[in-house]
Protein backbone atom coordinates (compact mmCIF):
# COMPACT_ATOMS: atom_id res chain seq x y z
CA MET A 1 -7.82 -4.90 17.55
CA LYS A 2 -7.73 -8.01 15.34
CA VAL A 3 -6.29 -7.56 11.90
CA LYS A 4 -8.61 -7.87 8.05
CA GLU A 5 -7.85 -10.98 6.25
CA VAL A 6 -6.77 -10.97 3.17
CA LYS A 7 -9.37 -12.41 0.87
CA ILE A 8 -11.22 -11.31 -2.70
CA GLY A 9 -12.11 -7.98 -3.72
CA ASN A 10 -10.48 -5.88 -0.92
CA ARG A 11 -8.46 -3.55 -1.24
CA VAL A 12 -4.99 -3.31 -0.20
CA LYS A 13 -2.10 -1.42 -0.06
CA VAL A 14 1.71 -3.24 -0.22
CA ILE A 15 3.97 -2.19 3.09
CA GLU A 16 7.02 -4.18 2.62
CA SER A 17 9.56 -2.12 2.63
CA LYS A 18 12.51 -3.47 0.17
CA SER A 19 8.90 -4.27 -2.90
CA LEU A 20 9.51 -2.56 -5.83
CA PHE A 21 6.09 -2.00 -5.33
CA PHE A 22 6.32 -0.49 -2.01
CA GLY A 23 2.77 1.68 -1.01
CA ARG A 24 0.75 1.23 -3.90
CA THR A 25 -2.61 0.11 -3.55
CA GLY A 26 -4.78 -2.44 -5.54
CA LEU A 27 -7.13 -4.33 -5.05
CA ILE A 28 -7.01 -8.59 -4.39
CA SER A 29 -7.78 -10.32 -7.48
CA GLY A 30 -7.14 -13.80 -5.67
CA PRO A 31 -5.20 -16.56 -4.58
CA ALA A 32 -1.85 -17.61 -6.52
CA ALA A 33 0.22 -20.68 -5.93
CA HIS A 34 3.54 -18.12 -5.33
CA ALA A 35 5.76 -15.65 -6.66
CA LYS A 36 6.84 -15.63 -10.43
CA GLY A 37 9.82 -17.36 -10.20
CA SER A 38 10.02 -17.39 -6.20
CA ARG A 39 11.47 -21.88 -5.59
CA ASN A 40 10.59 -21.28 -2.32
CA ARG A 41 7.24 -22.98 -1.35
CA SER A 42 6.21 -21.92 2.02
CA LYS A 43 3.26 -22.11 3.30
CA GLU A 44 2.54 -18.19 2.97
CA ALA A 45 -0.29 -17.41 0.85
CA PHE A 46 0.54 -15.28 -2.09
CA TRP A 47 -1.92 -13.09 -3.61
CA GLN A 48 -2.85 -11.44 -6.93
CA VAL A 49 -2.97 -8.13 -6.88
CA VAL A 50 -4.56 -5.52 -9.81
CA PHE A 51 -3.05 -1.82 -8.64
CA ASP A 52 -4.85 1.01 -8.97
CA TRP A 53 -2.09 3.21 -11.11
CA PRO A 54 0.79 3.16 -13.62
CA LEU A 55 3.44 4.17 -12.58
CA GLY A 56 6.04 4.50 -15.40
CA GLY A 57 6.16 1.05 -16.97
CA MET A 58 6.13 -0.69 -13.87
CA ALA A 59 3.51 -3.71 -13.48
CA GLY A 60 -0.18 -3.01 -13.24
CA ARG A 61 -0.44 -6.73 -10.95
CA THR A 62 1.69 -9.02 -10.01
CA VAL A 63 1.85 -11.91 -6.83
CA ILE A 64 2.39 -10.61 -3.41
CA LYS A 65 2.93 -13.00 -0.33
CA GLN A 66 -0.17 -11.92 2.33
CA SER A 67 2.30 -10.68 4.72
CA SER A 68 3.77 -7.22 2.66
CA LEU A 69 0.08 -6.39 2.83
CA GLU A 70 -2.08 -4.92 4.87
CA ILE A 71 -6.04 -3.01 4.42
CA ALA A 72 -6.48 0.08 2.35
CA GLU A 73 -7.89 2.67 5.27
CA LEU A 74 -10.43 4.13 3.44
CA GLY A 75 -9.47 7.67 1.50
CA GLU A 76 -6.11 6.24 0.54
CA SER A 77 -5.19 7.51 -3.04
CA ARG A 78 -5.66 5.73 -5.37
CA ASP A 79 -3.83 7.44 -8.14
CA PRO A 80 -1.01 9.57 -6.21
CA ARG A 81 -1.58 12.73 -8.26
CA LEU A 82 -4.67 13.42 -6.35
CA GLU A 83 -2.64 13.57 -3.27
CA ILE A 84 -0.31 16.20 -4.15
CA GLN A 85 -3.14 17.58 -5.54
CA ARG A 86 -4.04 18.25 -1.46
CA LYS A 87 -1.22 19.25 -0.70
């Protein structure tokens, strides 16, 4: 199966388990030069992600490297409260 390319407007999910944003979904709003405060200038692409739902004071948007993202599947919850209601 071919992996879909991340691009502006895609709905994505953070899959990096060590990330503070693990499991959150959002939209790609555009490319970013590098992660905020990062001194490592790798060739990996970084993206600006605007999250779907607020999470107790956590950022509503951030810069995340492409390898930490995957295209979100249709039907993935935009709001975790909806998941609780379904159970």
